[in-house]
């Protein structure tokens, strides 16, 4: 029932549309673009004057032919509906006014109590307070059409990829035909059945006198193009289902920062998503996998792109969100391989070394096993910068042996892992597990002059009335925790830039200033490239969900090429470093 006396008056059509909505979130991009919905998907209300007349006629002819004559109740139809409920059959009988009341307030109530006691009281009140047009306005903007879509605008976008005001006669009839059984008549599941149902609604319009025979025959011959399904795992993503990973992560972040009471109803989450970068990330990963997946035995890939402050502007968690909800960017923990050398060299810098300090790249045996360099070359004493550029394993292990406590502290401080197990060799060669989003944020901390970066997606959250329930407050730069000295971050930037210019990351060089690191794990099970420009920080991972080896895929190859394509699409910053 309505919650208070004001609602009991049932006099505000716009309020009724927003009242007691199903739980769901609308996801907006950084510029306010609608990019998806999780849970219940409500489109923006369509004013009655913009609803096609043939949609109204189809609804009345099919659902309540005496709508403009009754006062909210149709005694004969009600008797049929109550009798069918008592005898266990399903037969309509409620007026559109009753259905509107039910949709907003009574869906969870007992059918018998609702039909005999509640609807007979509330339907006439609604009729006294709202015009017939207003009742239809509320109904069409609230009712469930299947496919997670509530309201005619959402349904028109989900099924036909168009605005409700542009629906043709047959399309409108198919929309109305969904109402008795939205899942059964869903055109994405059974187009022929849905179209046949729409044809029956057109015949009902003819019987009701709202459509001529000639117009009906012409409407039946109309071509209907169903939009590709953009639904997956409880969400609707009009711009493509790959956005589902970002949308789910943003919703999780919003929930983690809100009281349980603020998580109900329909919410709007404004995010950091940059659609241009998101579309580029999806396209580049899709093309790379299409071209190389079969020959190189690659099943999955993931990409995270963020700004230096941690604002995630693009996220692709895998090959196809429709097939697998598991997110390789924010959920999967994989061995980082040589990406982990970032923490080893940072620890060395913190302990007093510099890019020109010398370290041995000579052959090394640890615990009775030889530590091998990727290129099987051993140069003896070389500068730290050169060792990082060639991704020397023996040099990194020696540095980790010398600075193991500092390496562990850095890994914990940067939220990479709680307490990595293993000895110096495990720290240097990255045999512990980490998430792509966390590793990318660690590189962002280097790009951010040593200040801690926590990746985020949510800028603000609003409830169905537009009230802000969560707003991100950005601290001043001086208030952000300094996790490494600025001079150490600057030295690390210089060394990582050398990796791209001269080292294992040359395939990532976009032609303007860039820095980064390659990573490859044992038997090519994981391949990484993570780096940054003056504008973005991005991480790329390729691998297989079941940990099978890939065929000859290393971080300096395909991941670096994907990263380069991403940065070329983004372009250099206006004041890029030399």
Protein backbone atom coordinates (compact mmCIF):
# COMPACT_ATOMS: atom_id res chain seq x y z
CA UNK A 1 0.00 0.00 0.00
CA UNK A 2 1.11 3.62 -0.34
CA UNK A 3 3.45 4.59 2.46
CA UNK A 4 1.86 7.84 3.60
CA UNK A 5 -1.14 10.13 3.21
CA UNK A 6 0.45 12.08 0.38
CA UNK A 7 1.00 8.91 -1.62
CA UNK A 8 -2.52 7.76 -0.81
CA UNK A 9 -3.88 10.72 -2.75
CA UNK A 10 -2.30 9.13 -5.86
CA UNK A 11 -2.24 12.53 -7.51
CA UNK A 12 1.34 12.87 -8.76
CA UNK A 13 1.95 10.85 -11.92
CA UNK A 14 5.70 11.50 -11.96
CA UNK A 15 6.03 10.44 -8.35
CA UNK A 16 4.11 7.25 -9.04
CA UNK A 17 6.53 6.34 -11.82
CA UNK A 18 9.45 6.54 -9.36
CA UNK A 19 7.64 4.98 -6.38
CA UNK A 20 8.66 1.50 -5.13
CA UNK A 21 10.79 0.62 -8.10
CA UNK A 22 12.59 -2.70 -8.31
CA UNK A 23 16.22 -2.68 -7.25
CA UNK A 24 18.61 -1.72 -10.02
CA UNK A 25 21.34 0.68 -11.04
CA UNK A 26 21.81 2.92 -14.08
CA UNK A 27 25.43 3.36 -15.09
CA UNK A 28 26.50 6.67 -16.63
CA UNK A 29 29.81 7.41 -18.33
CA UNK A 30 32.13 10.28 -17.49
CA UNK A 31 30.17 12.67 -19.73
CA UNK A 32 26.77 11.58 -18.44
CA UNK A 33 26.08 9.06 -21.22
CA UNK A 34 23.86 6.09 -20.37
CA UNK A 35 26.05 3.01 -20.78
CA UNK A 36 24.17 0.26 -18.99
CA UNK A 37 21.88 -0.95 -16.26
CA UNK A 38 22.19 -3.79 -13.79
CA UNK A 39 19.12 -5.31 -12.21
CA UNK A 40 15.94 -3.50 -13.17
CA UNK A 41 16.43 -1.24 -16.19
CA UNK A 42 14.14 1.81 -16.19
CA UNK A 43 14.36 4.13 -19.16
CA UNK A 44 13.61 7.84 -18.77
CA UNK A 45 9.84 8.50 -18.64
CA UNK A 46 8.26 9.27 -22.01
CA UNK A 47 5.69 12.11 -21.87
CA UNK A 48 2.23 10.99 -22.90
CA UNK A 49 2.20 13.39 -25.85
CA UNK A 50 5.27 11.61 -27.28
CA UNK A 51 3.81 8.10 -27.03
CA UNK A 52 2.60 6.85 -30.44
CA UNK A 53 -1.18 6.85 -30.70
CA UNK A 54 -1.10 3.32 -32.14
CA UNK A 55 0.76 2.15 -29.00
CA UNK A 56 -2.03 3.52 -26.80
CA UNK A 57 -4.66 1.98 -29.06
CA UNK A 58 -2.92 -1.40 -29.01
CA UNK A 59 -2.68 -1.35 -25.21
CA UNK A 60 -6.34 -0.47 -24.69
CA UNK A 61 -7.58 -2.93 -27.33
CA UNK A 62 -5.58 -5.80 -25.86
CA UNK A 63 -5.63 -5.15 -22.12
CA UNK A 64 -8.72 -3.09 -21.27
CA UNK A 65 -11.13 -2.30 -24.08
CA UNK A 66 -13.54 -0.42 -21.79
CA UNK A 67 -10.75 1.68 -20.25
CA UNK A 68 -12.21 5.04 -21.31
CA UNK A 69 -15.69 4.06 -20.03
CA UNK A 70 -15.11 2.59 -16.54
CA UNK A 71 -14.16 4.34 -13.29
CA UNK A 72 -11.23 2.07 -12.49
CA UNK A 73 -13.11 -1.18 -12.01
CA UNK A 74 -14.89 -3.50 -14.44
CA UNK A 75 -17.16 -5.72 -12.31
CA UNK A 76 -17.67 -8.40 -14.97
CA UNK A 77 -13.95 -8.63 -15.72
CA UNK A 78 -13.15 -8.67 -11.99
CA UNK A 79 -15.52 -11.56 -11.41
CA UNK A 80 -13.84 -13.55 -14.17
CA UNK A 81 -10.38 -12.77 -12.74
CA UNK A 82 -11.32 -13.76 -9.17
CA UNK A 83 -12.97 -16.97 -10.37
CA UNK A 84 -9.89 -17.90 -12.42
CA UNK A 85 -7.67 -17.27 -9.38
CA UNK A 86 -9.87 -19.44 -7.13
CA UNK A 87 -9.90 -22.27 -9.68
CA UNK A 88 -6.13 -22.12 -10.28
CA UNK A 89 -6.34 -20.83 -13.84
CA UNK A 90 -4.73 -17.72 -15.28
CA UNK A 91 -7.13 -15.30 -16.87
CA UNK A 92 -6.91 -11.52 -17.00
CA UNK A 93 -9.66 -9.24 -15.84
CA UNK A 94 -7.99 -6.35 -14.08
CA UNK A 95 -8.40 -2.95 -15.66
CA UNK A 96 -5.35 -0.96 -16.66
CA UNK A 97 -6.03 1.20 -13.62
CA UNK A 98 -5.88 -1.85 -11.36
CA UNK A 99 -2.76 -3.09 -13.12
CA UNK A 100 -1.11 0.28 -12.52
CA UNK A 101 -1.91 0.12 -8.79
CA UNK A 102 -0.64 -3.46 -8.64
CA UNK A 103 2.60 -2.59 -10.46
CA UNK A 104 3.45 0.18 -8.01
CA UNK A 105 2.18 -1.06 -4.64
CA UNK A 106 0.69 -4.54 -4.60
CA UNK A 107 2.89 -6.97 -6.53
CA UNK A 108 3.94 -8.86 -3.42
CA UNK A 109 0.43 -9.09 -1.97
CA UNK A 110 -1.89 -12.09 -2.01
CA UNK A 111 -3.85 -12.18 -5.30
CA UNK A 112 -7.15 -12.76 -3.49
CA UNK A 113 -6.63 -9.92 -0.99
CA UNK A 114 -5.37 -7.65 -3.75
CA UNK A 115 -8.28 -8.28 -6.12
CA UNK A 116 -11.08 -8.32 -3.50
CA UNK A 117 -9.94 -5.67 -1.02
CA UNK A 118 -7.08 -3.47 -2.15
CA UNK A 119 -7.56 -2.82 -5.86
CA UNK A 120 -11.33 -2.03 -5.48
CA UNK A 121 -10.38 0.71 -3.00
CA UNK A 122 -7.31 2.19 -4.67
CA UNK A 123 -8.30 2.02 -8.35
CA UNK A 124 -11.23 4.46 -8.01
CA UNK A 125 -9.03 6.83 -5.97
CA UNK A 126 -6.46 6.78 -8.77
CA UNK A 127 -9.19 7.51 -11.31
CA UNK A 128 -10.41 10.46 -9.26
CA UNK A 129 -6.94 11.98 -8.97
CA UNK A 130 -5.45 11.32 -12.40
CA UNK A 131 -6.76 11.66 -15.91
CA UNK A 132 -7.02 8.62 -18.16
CA UNK A 133 -3.99 9.87 -20.09
CA UNK A 134 -1.99 10.20 -16.88
CA UNK A 135 -2.86 6.63 -15.86
CA UNK A 136 -1.63 5.33 -19.21
CA UNK A 137 1.47 7.52 -18.85
CA UNK A 138 2.27 5.95 -15.47
CA UNK A 139 1.47 2.41 -16.61
CA UNK A 140 3.55 2.45 -19.78
CA UNK A 141 6.52 3.98 -17.98
CA UNK A 142 6.43 1.41 -15.17
CA UNK A 143 5.30 -1.98 -16.45
CA UNK A 144 7.72 -4.89 -16.97
CA UNK A 145 8.42 -5.85 -20.59
CA UNK A 146 10.95 -8.64 -19.97
CA UNK A 147 14.67 -8.53 -20.66
CA UNK A 148 15.22 -6.56 -17.42
CA UNK A 149 13.35 -3.66 -19.09
CA UNK A 150 10.76 -1.66 -17.14
CA UNK A 151 8.82 0.98 -19.02
CA UNK A 152 8.28 1.45 -22.73
CA UNK A 153 11.45 3.50 -23.33
CA UNK A 154 13.71 0.81 -21.90
CA UNK A 155 11.83 -1.91 -23.79
CA UNK A 156 12.00 -0.04 -27.12
CA UNK A 157 15.75 0.34 -26.72
CA UNK A 158 16.31 -3.27 -25.65
CA UNK A 159 14.24 -4.92 -28.38
CA UNK A 160 14.33 -2.47 -31.29
CA UNK A 161 17.27 -0.18 -30.56
CA UNK A 162 15.10 2.92 -30.97
CA UNK A 163 13.18 5.50 -28.96
CA UNK A 164 9.62 4.65 -27.93
CA UNK A 165 8.27 7.61 -29.90
CA UNK A 166 9.59 5.97 -33.10
CA UNK A 167 7.84 2.60 -32.69
CA UNK A 168 5.77 1.48 -35.69
CA UNK A 169 2.36 -0.20 -35.48
CA UNK A 170 3.65 -3.79 -35.54
CA UNK A 171 6.47 -2.93 -33.13
CA UNK A 172 3.96 -1.34 -30.74
CA UNK A 173 1.69 -4.38 -31.04
CA UNK A 174 4.62 -6.66 -30.22
CA UNK A 175 5.43 -4.51 -27.18
CA UNK A 176 1.85 -4.80 -25.92
CA UNK A 177 1.87 -8.50 -26.76
CA UNK A 178 4.74 -8.98 -24.31
CA UNK A 179 2.73 -7.87 -21.28
CA UNK A 180 0.84 -11.10 -20.42
CA UNK A 181 4.04 -13.21 -20.51
CA UNK A 182 7.18 -11.08 -21.01
CA UNK A 183 9.66 -13.93 -20.92
CA UNK A 184 7.65 -16.23 -23.18
CA UNK A 185 7.08 -13.60 -25.87
CA UNK A 186 10.57 -12.07 -25.63
CA UNK A 187 11.61 -11.51 -29.29
CA UNK A 188 15.25 -12.19 -28.43
CA UNK A 189 14.24 -15.71 -27.40
CA UNK A 190 11.51 -16.49 -29.93
CA UNK A 191 11.01 -13.87 -32.62
CA UNK A 192 8.35 -15.86 -34.52
CA UNK A 193 6.20 -16.31 -31.42
CA UNK A 194 6.60 -12.65 -30.48
CA UNK A 195 5.64 -11.49 -33.98
CA UNK A 196 2.61 -13.80 -34.08
CA UNK A 197 1.49 -12.37 -30.76
CA UNK A 198 1.86 -8.86 -32.21
CA UNK A 199 -0.29 -9.83 -35.20
CA UNK A 200 -3.03 -10.96 -32.81
CA UNK A 201 -2.88 -7.60 -31.04
CA UNK A 202 -3.33 -5.86 -34.41
CA UNK A 203 -6.48 -7.93 -34.98
CA UNK A 204 -7.71 -6.85 -31.54
CA UNK A 205 -7.17 -3.23 -32.61
CA UNK A 206 -9.31 -3.86 -35.69
CA UNK A 207 -12.04 -5.45 -33.55
CA UNK A 208 -11.96 -2.46 -31.21
CA UNK A 209 -12.33 -0.06 -34.12
CA UNK A 210 -9.02 1.74 -33.49
CA UNK A 211 -7.37 0.47 -36.68
CA UNK A 212 -8.83 0.00 -40.16
CA UNK A 213 -8.54 -3.27 -42.00
CA UNK A 214 -6.39 -1.65 -44.68
CA UNK A 215 -4.02 -0.14 -42.11
CA UNK A 216 -3.89 -3.45 -40.24
CA UNK A 217 -2.97 -5.41 -43.36
CA UNK A 218 -0.31 -2.85 -44.18
CA UNK A 219 1.07 -3.03 -40.61
CA UNK A 220 1.25 -6.83 -40.75
CA UNK A 221 3.54 -6.58 -43.76
CA UNK A 222 5.98 -4.28 -41.99
CA UNK A 223 9.57 -5.46 -41.66
CA UNK A 224 10.65 -5.70 -38.04
CA UNK A 225 14.34 -5.54 -37.16
CA UNK A 226 15.13 -6.80 -33.68
CA UNK A 227 18.17 -5.18 -32.12
CA UNK A 228 20.98 -7.54 -31.09
CA UNK A 229 20.61 -8.69 -27.51
CA UNK A 230 22.63 -6.48 -25.21
CA UNK A 231 21.65 -8.34 -22.07
CA UNK A 232 24.01 -10.46 -20.02
CA UNK A 233 24.24 -11.62 -16.40
CA UNK A 234 21.37 -9.51 -15.10
CA UNK A 235 22.34 -6.37 -16.97
CA UNK A 236 21.49 -4.44 -20.13
CA UNK A 237 24.27 -2.67 -22.04
CA UNK A 238 23.04 -0.82 -25.16
CA UNK A 239 26.59 0.04 -26.23
CA UNK A 240 27.78 -3.57 -26.00
CA UNK A 241 27.89 -6.23 -23.31
CA UNK A 242 31.67 -5.88 -22.80
CA UNK A 243 30.88 -2.84 -20.62
CA UNK A 244 29.32 -5.34 -18.21
CA UNK A 245 32.60 -5.91 -16.41
CA UNK A 246 33.06 -2.21 -15.69
CA UNK A 247 29.40 -1.81 -14.71
CA UNK A 248 29.53 -4.68 -12.23
CA UNK A 249 32.77 -3.41 -10.70
CA UNK A 250 31.31 0.11 -10.37
CA UNK A 251 28.21 -1.28 -8.67
CA UNK A 252 30.37 -3.25 -6.23
CA UNK A 253 32.32 -0.10 -5.39
CA UNK A 254 29.11 1.88 -4.86
CA UNK A 255 27.72 -0.85 -2.58
CA UNK A 256 30.93 -1.04 -0.56
CA UNK A 257 30.71 2.69 0.19
CA UNK A 258 26.99 2.87 0.98
CA UNK A 259 24.88 1.84 3.94
CA UNK A 260 22.61 -1.17 3.26
CA UNK A 261 19.53 1.08 3.31
CA UNK A 262 20.99 3.19 0.49
CA UNK A 263 21.38 0.19 -1.82
CA UNK A 264 17.67 -0.39 -2.47
CA UNK A 265 15.47 1.00 -5.23
CA UNK A 266 16.85 2.34 -8.47
CA UNK A 267 20.10 4.24 -8.29
CA UNK A 268 22.13 6.17 -10.82
CA UNK A 269 25.89 5.70 -10.64
CA UNK A 270 27.97 8.35 -12.38
CA UNK A 271 31.34 6.87 -13.25
CA UNK A 272 34.77 7.61 -14.67
CA UNK A 273 34.20 5.53 -17.84
CA UNK A 274 35.51 7.15 -21.02
CA UNK A 275 33.48 5.61 -23.83
CA UNK A 276 36.05 6.44 -26.48
CA UNK A 277 38.80 4.65 -24.57
CA UNK A 278 36.48 1.79 -23.60
CA UNK A 279 35.47 1.19 -27.21
CA UNK A 280 39.12 1.29 -28.29
CA UNK A 281 40.12 -1.22 -25.61
CA UNK A 282 37.32 -3.60 -26.59
CA UNK A 283 38.12 -3.31 -30.29
CA UNK A 284 41.89 -3.72 -29.96
CA UNK A 285 41.64 -6.75 -27.66
CA UNK A 286 38.96 -8.34 -29.85
CA UNK A 287 41.05 -7.90 -32.98
CA UNK A 288 44.20 -9.27 -31.34
CA UNK A 289 42.41 -12.37 -30.07
CA UNK A 290 40.61 -12.91 -33.36
CA UNK A 291 43.93 -12.82 -35.19
CA UNK A 292 46.14 -14.75 -32.76
CA UNK A 293 44.03 -16.74 -30.29
CA UNK A 294 43.86 -20.02 -32.18
CA UNK A 295 47.43 -20.14 -33.45
CA UNK A 296 48.93 -18.93 -30.15
CA UNK A 297 46.55 -20.86 -27.89
CA UNK A 298 45.21 -17.79 -26.11
CA UNK A 299 41.80 -18.06 -24.49
CA UNK A 300 41.49 -14.81 -22.57
CA UNK A 301 42.76 -11.28 -22.22
CA UNK A 302 42.10 -8.26 -20.03
CA UNK A 303 42.79 -4.53 -20.12
CA UNK A 304 42.64 -1.78 -17.50
CA UNK A 305 43.19 1.89 -18.37
CA UNK A 306 43.24 4.57 -15.69
CA UNK A 307 44.35 8.13 -15.22
CA UNK A 308 47.28 8.92 -12.93
CA UNK A 309 44.94 9.49 -9.98
CA UNK A 310 43.35 6.01 -10.33
CA UNK A 311 40.19 6.98 -12.23
CA UNK A 312 39.50 3.90 -14.36
CA UNK A 313 38.47 5.02 -17.84
CA UNK A 314 38.28 1.60 -19.51
CA UNK A 315 38.07 -1.98 -18.32
CA UNK A 316 37.74 -5.20 -20.30
CA UNK A 317 37.68 -8.29 -18.11
CA UNK A 318 37.81 -10.99 -20.76
CA UNK A 319 37.02 -12.17 -24.23
CA UNK A 320 33.21 -12.23 -24.02
CA UNK A 321 31.14 -11.08 -21.04
CA UNK A 322 28.09 -12.93 -22.35
CA UNK A 323 29.88 -16.27 -21.99
CA UNK A 324 31.83 -15.74 -18.80
CA UNK A 325 31.13 -13.27 -16.02
CA UNK A 326 34.50 -13.95 -14.36
CA UNK A 327 36.60 -10.79 -14.54
CA UNK A 328 40.30 -11.27 -15.31
CA UNK A 329 40.97 -7.58 -14.59
CA UNK A 330 39.51 -7.20 -11.08
CA UNK A 331 38.91 -10.76 -9.81
CA UNK A 332 41.55 -13.10 -11.23
CA UNK A 333 44.84 -13.43 -9.36
CA UNK A 334 47.69 -14.46 -11.64
CA UNK A 335 51.46 -14.64 -11.31
CA UNK A 336 52.91 -11.29 -12.45
CA UNK A 337 56.24 -12.68 -13.64
CA UNK A 338 58.75 -9.93 -14.42
CA UNK A 339 56.14 -7.23 -13.73
CA UNK A 340 57.11 -7.91 -10.10
CA UNK A 341 60.58 -6.48 -10.78
CA UNK A 342 59.00 -3.04 -10.35
CA UNK A 343 58.92 -3.62 -6.59
CA UNK A 344 62.42 -5.07 -6.48
CA UNK A 345 63.98 -2.09 -8.25
CA UNK A 346 61.90 0.39 -6.25
CA UNK A 347 63.15 -1.24 -3.04
CA UNK A 348 66.72 -0.95 -4.31
CA UNK A 349 66.20 2.75 -5.02
CA UNK A 350 64.72 3.25 -1.54
CA UNK A 351 67.76 1.56 0.00
CA UNK A 352 70.18 3.97 -1.65
CA UNK A 353 70.87 2.57 -5.12
CA UNK A 354 70.39 4.62 -8.28
CA UNK A 355 69.81 3.87 -11.96
CA UNK A 356 73.58 3.89 -12.53
CA UNK A 357 74.41 1.61 -9.57
CA UNK A 358 75.97 -1.65 -10.64
CA UNK A 359 74.49 -5.13 -10.20
CA UNK A 360 75.70 -8.52 -11.40
CA UNK A 361 73.90 -10.10 -14.33
CA UNK A 362 76.14 -13.16 -14.14
CA UNK A 363 74.83 -16.72 -14.04
CA UNK A 364 73.29 -17.66 -10.70
CA UNK A 365 72.28 -20.85 -8.91
CA UNK A 366 69.72 -20.59 -6.11
CA UNK A 367 68.73 -23.55 -3.96
CA UNK A 368 70.44 -25.95 -6.33
CA UNK A 369 68.56 -24.62 -9.38
CA UNK A 370 69.90 -22.32 -12.06
CA UNK A 371 68.23 -18.93 -12.44
CA UNK A 372 67.91 -18.37 -16.20
CA UNK A 373 67.70 -15.10 -18.05
CA UNK A 374 64.98 -14.95 -20.70
CA UNK A 375 67.54 -14.43 -23.50
CA UNK A 376 70.11 -16.83 -21.97
CA UNK A 377 72.72 -14.05 -22.01
CA UNK A 378 74.77 -13.02 -18.95
CA UNK A 379 76.73 -9.76 -19.08
CA UNK A 380 78.38 -9.53 -15.67
CA UNK A 381 78.33 -6.15 -13.90
CA UNK A 382 75.79 -3.76 -15.48
CA UNK A 383 73.84 -0.67 -14.30
CA UNK A 384 70.44 -1.19 -12.68
CA UNK A 385 68.82 0.64 -15.58
CA UNK A 386 70.34 -1.76 -18.12
CA UNK A 387 69.37 -4.78 -15.98
CA UNK A 388 65.75 -3.62 -15.91
CA UNK A 389 65.76 -2.89 -19.64
CA UNK A 390 66.83 -6.44 -20.47
CA UNK A 391 64.63 -7.82 -17.63
CA UNK A 392 67.57 -9.70 -16.13
CA UNK A 393 66.37 -12.43 -13.81
CA UNK A 394 69.75 -13.02 -12.17
CA UNK A 395 70.18 -9.32 -11.38
CA UNK A 396 66.65 -9.05 -9.98
CA UNK A 397 67.14 -12.10 -7.76
CA UNK A 398 70.39 -10.66 -6.39
CA UNK A 399 68.63 -7.35 -5.63
CA UNK A 400 65.72 -9.17 -3.97
CA UNK A 401 68.13 -11.18 -1.82
CA UNK A 402 69.68 -7.93 -0.65
CA UNK A 403 66.45 -6.00 -0.08
CA UNK A 404 63.81 -8.69 0.62
CA UNK A 405 62.15 -6.94 3.63
CA UNK A 406 61.80 -3.68 1.67
CA UNK A 407 60.35 -5.53 -1.33
CA UNK A 408 57.73 -7.22 0.86
CA UNK A 409 56.79 -3.92 2.48
CA UNK A 410 56.27 -2.30 -0.90
CA UNK A 411 54.09 -5.16 -2.12
CA UNK A 412 51.90 -4.85 0.96
CA UNK A 413 51.83 -1.04 0.94
CA UNK A 414 50.72 -0.91 -2.69
CA UNK A 415 47.91 -3.43 -2.04
CA UNK A 416 49.40 -6.06 -4.36
CA UNK A 417 49.35 -8.97 -1.90
CA UNK A 418 49.10 -9.44 1.84
CA UNK A 419 52.36 -11.28 2.45
CA UNK A 420 53.94 -12.92 -0.60
CA UNK A 421 55.24 -16.34 0.22
CA UNK A 422 58.58 -17.73 -0.92
CA UNK A 423 62.14 -16.51 -0.91
CA UNK A 424 63.96 -13.80 -2.85
CA UNK A 425 63.63 -15.71 -6.10
CA UNK A 426 59.83 -15.72 -5.77
CA UNK A 427 59.78 -11.98 -5.07
CA UNK A 428 62.01 -11.19 -8.05
CA UNK A 429 60.37 -13.55 -10.54
CA UNK A 430 56.77 -12.86 -9.49
CA UNK A 431 55.62 -16.35 -8.53
CA UNK A 432 53.01 -14.98 -6.11
CA UNK A 433 49.56 -13.91 -7.34
CA UNK A 434 48.14 -10.45 -8.02
CA UNK A 435 45.27 -8.73 -9.84
CA UNK A 436 45.75 -6.72 -13.03
CA UNK A 437 43.89 -3.70 -11.60
CA UNK A 438 46.19 -3.60 -8.53
CA UNK A 439 49.38 -3.98 -10.55
CA UNK A 440 48.25 -1.21 -12.88
CA UNK A 441 47.55 1.03 -9.87
CA UNK A 442 51.08 0.35 -8.58
CA UNK A 443 52.50 1.68 -11.84
CA UNK A 444 50.13 4.63 -11.48
CA UNK A 445 51.71 5.41 -8.10
CA UNK A 446 55.06 5.73 -9.89
CA UNK A 447 53.47 7.95 -12.55
CA UNK A 448 51.80 9.96 -9.77
CA UNK A 449 55.14 11.08 -8.28
CA UNK A 450 55.11 8.40 -5.63
CA UNK A 451 51.66 9.20 -4.21
CA UNK A 452 49.39 6.26 -3.42
CA UNK A 453 46.83 5.42 -6.12
CA UNK A 454 43.66 3.48 -5.35
CA UNK A 455 41.71 2.61 -8.51
CA UNK A 456 38.10 3.82 -8.55
CA UNK A 457 35.13 3.99 -10.90
CA UNK A 458 32.38 5.85 -8.99
CA UNK A 459 32.08 9.64 -8.95
CA UNK A 460 28.64 9.91 -7.34
CA UNK A 461 25.47 7.91 -6.65
CA UNK A 462 21.90 9.24 -6.74
CA UNK A 463 18.66 7.62 -5.63
CA UNK A 464 15.51 7.50 -7.79
CA UNK A 465 14.55 11.02 -6.65
CA UNK A 466 17.91 12.44 -7.74
CA UNK A 467 19.26 12.90 -4.20
CA UNK A 468 22.99 12.24 -3.96
CA UNK A 469 23.69 9.40 -1.54
CA UNK A 470 27.41 9.17 -2.28
CA UNK A 471 29.78 11.80 -3.65
CA UNK A 472 33.50 11.25 -4.11
CA UNK A 473 35.51 13.92 -2.32
CA UNK A 474 38.92 14.36 -3.89
CA UNK A 475 41.75 15.12 -1.46
CA UNK A 476 44.43 17.68 -2.16
CA UNK A 477 47.63 16.23 -3.61
CA UNK A 478 49.44 17.05 -0.38
CA UNK A 479 46.95 14.96 1.58
CA UNK A 480 47.50 11.77 -0.44
CA UNK A 481 49.80 9.27 1.23
CA UNK A 482 53.34 9.33 -0.17
CA UNK A 483 54.31 5.67 -0.59
CA UNK A 484 57.65 6.37 -2.23
CA UNK A 485 59.85 9.43 -2.28
CA UNK A 486 59.30 11.65 -5.34
CA UNK A 487 62.96 11.26 -6.35
CA UNK A 488 62.63 7.46 -6.28
CA UNK A 489 59.45 7.63 -8.37
CA UNK A 490 61.25 9.93 -10.83
CA UNK A 491 64.20 7.52 -11.09
CA UNK A 492 61.79 4.63 -11.65
CA UNK A 493 60.01 6.57 -14.39
CA UNK A 494 63.36 7.11 -16.09
CA UNK A 495 64.26 3.43 -15.88
CA UNK A 496 60.86 2.24 -17.13
CA UNK A 497 61.08 4.67 -20.04
CA UNK A 498 64.36 2.96 -20.97
CA UNK A 499 62.53 -0.40 -21.06
CA UNK A 500 60.23 1.01 -23.78
CA UNK A 501 62.94 2.83 -25.72
CA UNK A 502 65.72 0.25 -25.65
CA UNK A 503 64.62 -2.83 -23.74
CA UNK A 504 62.13 -5.69 -23.74
CA UNK A 505 59.21 -3.25 -24.18
CA UNK A 506 60.26 -1.75 -27.52
CA UNK A 507 57.12 -3.15 -29.21
CA UNK A 508 55.07 -0.88 -26.91
CA UNK A 509 56.80 2.33 -28.04
CA UNK A 510 54.02 4.65 -29.34
CA UNK A 511 56.42 7.24 -30.72
CA UNK A 512 56.04 9.65 -27.80
CA UNK A 513 57.14 9.47 -24.18
CA UNK A 514 56.11 6.21 -22.51
CA UNK A 515 57.36 3.93 -19.75
CA UNK A 516 56.49 0.37 -18.81
CA UNK A 517 57.47 -3.19 -18.06
CA UNK A 518 56.98 -6.57 -19.67
CA UNK A 519 56.15 -9.74 -17.78
CA UNK A 520 56.04 -13.41 -18.77
CA UNK A 521 55.55 -16.38 -16.44
CA UNK A 522 56.81 -19.96 -16.63
CA UNK A 523 55.86 -21.81 -19.83
CA UNK A 524 54.18 -18.64 -21.15
CA UNK A 525 51.14 -19.10 -18.95
CA UNK A 526 50.78 -15.34 -18.42
CA UNK A 527 51.95 -12.44 -20.54
CA UNK A 528 51.77 -8.83 -19.35
CA UNK A 529 52.61 -5.30 -20.31
CA UNK A 530 51.90 -2.47 -17.87
CA UNK A 531 53.02 1.08 -18.38
CA UNK A 532 52.10 4.73 -18.59
CA UNK A 533 52.30 7.89 -20.64
CA UNK A 534 51.88 11.42 -19.36
CA UNK A 535 48.13 10.92 -19.74
CA UNK A 536 47.18 7.29 -18.98
CA UNK A 537 48.29 4.20 -17.12
CA UNK A 538 47.31 0.90 -18.74
CA UNK A 539 47.75 -2.80 -18.05
CA UNK A 540 47.33 -5.65 -20.52
CA UNK A 541 47.21 -9.37 -19.64
CA UNK A 542 46.87 -12.44 -21.87
CA UNK A 543 46.49 -16.04 -20.72
CA UNK A 544 44.15 -18.98 -20.21
CA UNK A 545 41.61 -19.39 -17.42
CA UNK A 546 42.74 -22.97 -16.74
CA UNK A 547 46.41 -21.92 -16.65
CA UNK A 548 47.34 -23.78 -19.84
CA UNK A 549 50.54 -22.50 -21.51
CA UNK A 550 50.21 -20.24 -24.51
CA UNK A 551 52.37 -20.79 -27.56
CA UNK A 552 55.26 -18.35 -27.65
CA UNK A 553 53.36 -15.39 -26.17
CA UNK A 554 55.56 -13.12 -24.06
CA UNK A 555 54.96 -9.73 -22.49
CA UNK A 556 57.23 -7.99 -24.96
CA UNK A 557 55.22 -9.33 -27.90
CA UNK A 558 51.45 -9.24 -28.27
CA UNK A 559 50.62 -7.53 -24.92
CA UNK A 560 53.10 -4.75 -25.73
CA UNK A 561 51.58 -4.37 -29.20
CA UNK A 562 48.06 -4.14 -27.73
CA UNK A 563 49.28 -1.53 -25.24
CA UNK A 564 50.91 0.51 -28.02
CA UNK A 565 47.68 0.46 -30.06
CA UNK A 566 45.77 1.69 -27.00
CA UNK A 567 48.14 4.58 -26.41
CA UNK A 568 48.19 5.54 -30.08
CA UNK A 569 44.39 5.68 -29.95
CA UNK A 570 44.56 7.92 -26.89
CA UNK A 571 47.29 10.14 -28.33
CA UNK A 572 50.05 11.99 -26.46
CA UNK A 573 49.36 14.55 -23.77
CA UNK A 574 49.68 18.17 -24.85
CA UNK A 575 52.79 18.63 -22.71
CA UNK A 576 54.37 15.18 -22.96
CA UNK A 577 57.83 14.63 -21.53
CA UNK A 578 60.82 14.33 -23.79
